[in-house]
Amino acid sequence: MRPDDIRELLRRHPFRPFRLILTNNAVHEVHHRDFALVSRSLVQIGFPSGEEESPSEERLIGIALVHIVQYELLPPAA
């Protein structure tokens, strides 16, 4: 996936959360545009405390854009 493809998802108005599906079938969700940062070959996704499986710690993951094979739009946040 190209960096501009991810940037376009992040710039949508109104923002829609989305899910990234990777070549290894891993799935990562972006629930807010401020929790993702895109560079030329990488997207970094932050998970603030209270989300995901470790509610007491913030977490940051990096995903190589070449490993993103698909995205899915999620229902808008309530």
N, C-alpha and C. Protein backbone atom coordinates (compact mmCIF):
# COMPACT_ATOMS: atom_id res chain seq x y z
N MET A 1 0.85 -1.17 0.00
CA MET A 1 0.00 0.00 0.00
C MET A 1 0.90 1.24 0.00
N ARG A 2 0.44 2.27 -0.66
CA ARG A 2 1.23 3.51 -0.75
C ARG A 2 0.96 4.41 0.46
N PRO A 3 1.95 5.22 0.85
CA PRO A 3 1.74 6.13 1.99
C PRO A 3 0.54 7.05 1.78
N ASP A 4 0.34 7.51 0.55
CA ASP A 4 -0.78 8.41 0.28
C ASP A 4 -2.13 7.73 0.47
N ASP A 5 -2.19 6.42 0.28
CA ASP A 5 -3.44 5.69 0.52
C ASP A 5 -3.83 5.77 2.00
N ILE A 6 -2.85 5.57 2.87
CA ILE A 6 -3.11 5.65 4.31
C ILE A 6 -3.43 7.10 4.71
N ARG A 7 -2.67 8.04 4.17
CA ARG A 7 -2.93 9.46 4.49
C ARG A 7 -4.34 9.87 4.09
N GLU A 8 -4.80 9.37 2.96
CA GLU A 8 -6.16 9.67 2.52
C GLU A 8 -7.19 9.15 3.52
N LEU A 9 -6.98 7.94 4.03
CA LEU A 9 -7.89 7.41 5.05
C LEU A 9 -7.87 8.26 6.32
N LEU A 10 -6.70 8.75 6.69
CA LEU A 10 -6.57 9.56 7.90
C LEU A 10 -7.18 10.95 7.75
N ARG A 11 -7.23 11.47 6.52
CA ARG A 11 -7.73 12.83 6.27
C ARG A 11 -9.23 12.90 6.01
N ARG A 12 -9.88 11.77 5.91
CA ARG A 12 -11.32 11.77 5.61
C ARG A 12 -12.09 12.62 6.61
N HIS A 13 -13.09 13.33 6.10
CA HIS A 13 -13.99 14.12 6.97
C HIS A 13 -15.40 13.69 6.70
N PRO A 14 -16.13 13.18 7.66
CA PRO A 14 -15.64 12.88 9.00
C PRO A 14 -14.75 11.64 8.97
N PHE A 15 -13.89 11.56 9.96
CA PHE A 15 -12.98 10.42 10.05
C PHE A 15 -13.77 9.14 10.28
N ARG A 16 -13.38 8.08 9.58
CA ARG A 16 -13.95 6.75 9.81
C ARG A 16 -12.84 5.84 10.28
N PRO A 17 -13.02 5.16 11.41
CA PRO A 17 -12.02 4.19 11.85
C PRO A 17 -11.83 3.13 10.76
N PHE A 18 -10.64 2.55 10.72
CA PHE A 18 -10.38 1.53 9.70
C PHE A 18 -9.49 0.45 10.26
N ARG A 19 -9.50 -0.66 9.56
CA ARG A 19 -8.75 -1.85 9.93
C ARG A 19 -7.75 -2.14 8.81
N LEU A 20 -6.51 -2.44 9.18
CA LEU A 20 -5.49 -2.83 8.21
C LEU A 20 -5.26 -4.33 8.32
N ILE A 21 -5.26 -5.00 7.18
CA ILE A 21 -5.02 -6.44 7.14
C ILE A 21 -3.66 -6.65 6.47
N LEU A 22 -2.81 -7.45 7.12
CA LEU A 22 -1.43 -7.62 6.68
C LEU A 22 -1.22 -8.94 5.97
N THR A 23 -0.06 -9.08 5.35
CA THR A 23 0.26 -10.30 4.60
C THR A 23 0.26 -11.54 5.48
N ASN A 24 0.51 -11.39 6.78
CA ASN A 24 0.52 -12.54 7.69
C ASN A 24 -0.85 -12.74 8.35
N ASN A 25 -1.88 -12.07 7.82
CA ASN A 25 -3.26 -12.12 8.33
C ASN A 25 -3.46 -11.42 9.66
N ALA A 26 -2.44 -10.72 10.16
CA ALA A 26 -2.62 -9.90 11.36
C ALA A 26 -3.53 -8.73 11.00
N VAL A 27 -4.25 -8.24 11.99
CA VAL A 27 -5.20 -7.14 11.80
C VAL A 27 -4.92 -6.08 12.85
N HIS A 28 -4.88 -4.82 12.42
CA HIS A 28 -4.68 -3.70 13.34
C HIS A 28 -5.69 -2.62 12.99
N GLU A 29 -6.30 -2.03 14.01
CA GLU A 29 -7.33 -1.03 13.80
C GLU A 29 -6.83 0.35 14.21
N VAL A 30 -7.26 1.36 13.45
CA VAL A 30 -6.96 2.76 13.75
C VAL A 30 -8.28 3.42 14.10
N HIS A 31 -8.42 3.86 15.35
CA HIS A 31 -9.68 4.41 15.82
C HIS A 31 -9.71 5.93 15.84
N HIS A 32 -8.56 6.56 15.65
CA HIS A 32 -8.50 8.03 15.64
C HIS A 32 -7.32 8.45 14.78
N ARG A 33 -7.51 9.50 14.00
CA ARG A 33 -6.44 9.93 13.08
C ARG A 33 -5.17 10.34 13.80
N ASP A 34 -5.27 10.79 15.04
CA ASP A 34 -4.08 11.20 15.78
C ASP A 34 -3.25 10.02 16.28
N PHE A 35 -3.77 8.81 16.14
CA PHE A 35 -3.05 7.63 16.61
C PHE A 35 -2.26 6.93 15.51
N ALA A 36 -2.11 7.58 14.36
CA ALA A 36 -1.35 6.98 13.26
C ALA A 36 -0.43 8.02 12.64
N LEU A 37 0.76 7.56 12.29
CA LEU A 37 1.76 8.42 11.66
C LEU A 37 2.33 7.65 10.48
N VAL A 38 2.34 8.30 9.31
CA VAL A 38 2.76 7.62 8.08
C VAL A 38 4.06 8.23 7.59
N SER A 39 5.03 7.36 7.28
CA SER A 39 6.26 7.79 6.63
C SER A 39 6.31 7.15 5.25
N ARG A 40 7.44 7.23 4.60
CA ARG A 40 7.56 6.71 3.23
C ARG A 40 7.34 5.20 3.15
N SER A 41 7.75 4.46 4.16
CA SER A 41 7.65 3.00 4.08
C SER A 41 7.01 2.35 5.30
N LEU A 42 6.51 3.17 6.24
CA LEU A 42 6.03 2.63 7.51
C LEU A 42 4.82 3.41 8.00
N VAL A 43 3.92 2.72 8.65
CA VAL A 43 2.86 3.39 9.39
C VAL A 43 3.01 2.97 10.85
N GLN A 44 3.00 3.94 11.75
CA GLN A 44 3.06 3.67 13.17
C GLN A 44 1.68 3.91 13.74
N ILE A 45 1.21 2.95 14.54
CA ILE A 45 -0.12 3.05 15.14
C ILE A 45 0.06 3.02 16.65
N GLY A 46 -0.53 4.00 17.31
CA GLY A 46 -0.48 4.05 18.76
C GLY A 46 -1.77 3.56 19.36
N PHE A 47 -1.64 2.89 20.48
CA PHE A 47 -2.79 2.41 21.24
C PHE A 47 -2.67 3.00 22.63
N PRO A 48 -3.49 4.00 22.95
CA PRO A 48 -3.38 4.62 24.27
C PRO A 48 -3.77 3.65 25.38
N SER A 49 -3.37 3.98 26.59
CA SER A 49 -3.73 3.10 27.71
C SER A 49 -5.24 2.98 27.77
N GLY A 50 -5.69 1.79 28.12
CA GLY A 50 -7.12 1.52 28.18
C GLY A 50 -7.65 0.80 26.96
N GLU A 51 -6.84 0.70 25.90
CA GLU A 51 -7.24 -0.03 24.70
C GLU A 51 -6.39 -1.27 24.56
N GLU A 52 -6.83 -2.15 23.70
CA GLU A 52 -6.12 -3.39 23.42
C GLU A 52 -6.01 -4.25 24.66
N GLU A 53 -5.04 -5.14 24.68
CA GLU A 53 -4.99 -6.13 25.74
C GLU A 53 -4.24 -5.69 26.99
N SER A 54 -3.44 -4.61 26.96
CA SER A 54 -2.75 -4.16 28.16
C SER A 54 -3.25 -2.78 28.55
N PRO A 55 -4.30 -2.72 29.35
CA PRO A 55 -4.94 -1.44 29.66
C PRO A 55 -4.09 -0.47 30.46
N SER A 56 -3.01 -0.93 31.07
CA SER A 56 -2.21 -0.02 31.89
C SER A 56 -1.04 0.58 31.13
N GLU A 57 -0.78 0.15 29.91
CA GLU A 57 0.37 0.64 29.16
C GLU A 57 -0.04 1.15 27.79
N GLU A 58 0.63 2.21 27.38
CA GLU A 58 0.48 2.66 26.01
C GLU A 58 1.33 1.74 25.14
N ARG A 59 0.93 1.60 23.88
CA ARG A 59 1.64 0.69 22.99
C ARG A 59 1.76 1.35 21.62
N LEU A 60 2.88 1.13 20.96
CA LEU A 60 3.12 1.65 19.63
C LEU A 60 3.65 0.51 18.77
N ILE A 61 3.06 0.36 17.58
CA ILE A 61 3.56 -0.66 16.65
C ILE A 61 3.90 0.01 15.33
N GLY A 62 4.85 -0.56 14.62
CA GLY A 62 5.22 -0.10 13.29
C GLY A 62 4.92 -1.19 12.29
N ILE A 63 4.32 -0.80 11.18
CA ILE A 63 3.96 -1.76 10.13
C ILE A 63 4.56 -1.27 8.82
N ALA A 64 5.32 -2.15 8.17
CA ALA A 64 5.85 -1.82 6.84
C ALA A 64 4.70 -1.77 5.85
N LEU A 65 4.62 -0.70 5.08
CA LEU A 65 3.51 -0.53 4.14
C LEU A 65 3.42 -1.66 3.12
N VAL A 66 4.55 -2.29 2.79
CA VAL A 66 4.52 -3.38 1.80
C VAL A 66 3.76 -4.59 2.34
N HIS A 67 3.53 -4.65 3.65
CA HIS A 67 2.82 -5.79 4.23
C HIS A 67 1.32 -5.55 4.39
N ILE A 68 0.85 -4.36 4.04
CA ILE A 68 -0.59 -4.09 4.12
C ILE A 68 -1.22 -4.49 2.80
N VAL A 69 -2.14 -5.44 2.87
CA VAL A 69 -2.77 -5.95 1.65
C VAL A 69 -4.20 -5.45 1.47
N GLN A 70 -4.80 -4.95 2.55
CA GLN A 70 -6.20 -4.54 2.45
C GLN A 70 -6.54 -3.62 3.61
N TYR A 71 -7.53 -2.77 3.40
CA TYR A 71 -8.10 -2.01 4.51
C TYR A 71 -9.61 -2.16 4.48
N GLU A 72 -10.22 -2.01 5.63
CA GLU A 72 -11.68 -2.06 5.76
C GLU A 72 -12.11 -0.88 6.61
N LEU A 73 -13.12 -0.17 6.14
CA LEU A 73 -13.68 0.91 6.95
C LEU A 73 -14.57 0.30 8.03
N LEU A 74 -14.47 0.85 9.22
CA LEU A 74 -15.27 0.40 10.36
C LEU A 74 -16.43 1.34 10.56
N PRO A 75 -17.44 0.93 11.30
CA PRO A 75 -18.55 1.85 11.59
C PRO A 75 -18.03 3.08 12.35
N PRO A 76 -18.63 4.24 12.12
CA PRO A 76 -18.19 5.44 12.84
C PRO A 76 -18.30 5.24 14.35
N ALA A 77 -17.40 5.90 15.06
CA ALA A 77 -17.42 5.82 16.52
C ALA A 77 -18.68 6.49 17.04
N ALA A 78 -19.24 5.91 18.09
CA ALA A 78 -20.48 6.47 18.65
C ALA A 78 -20.19 7.66 19.52
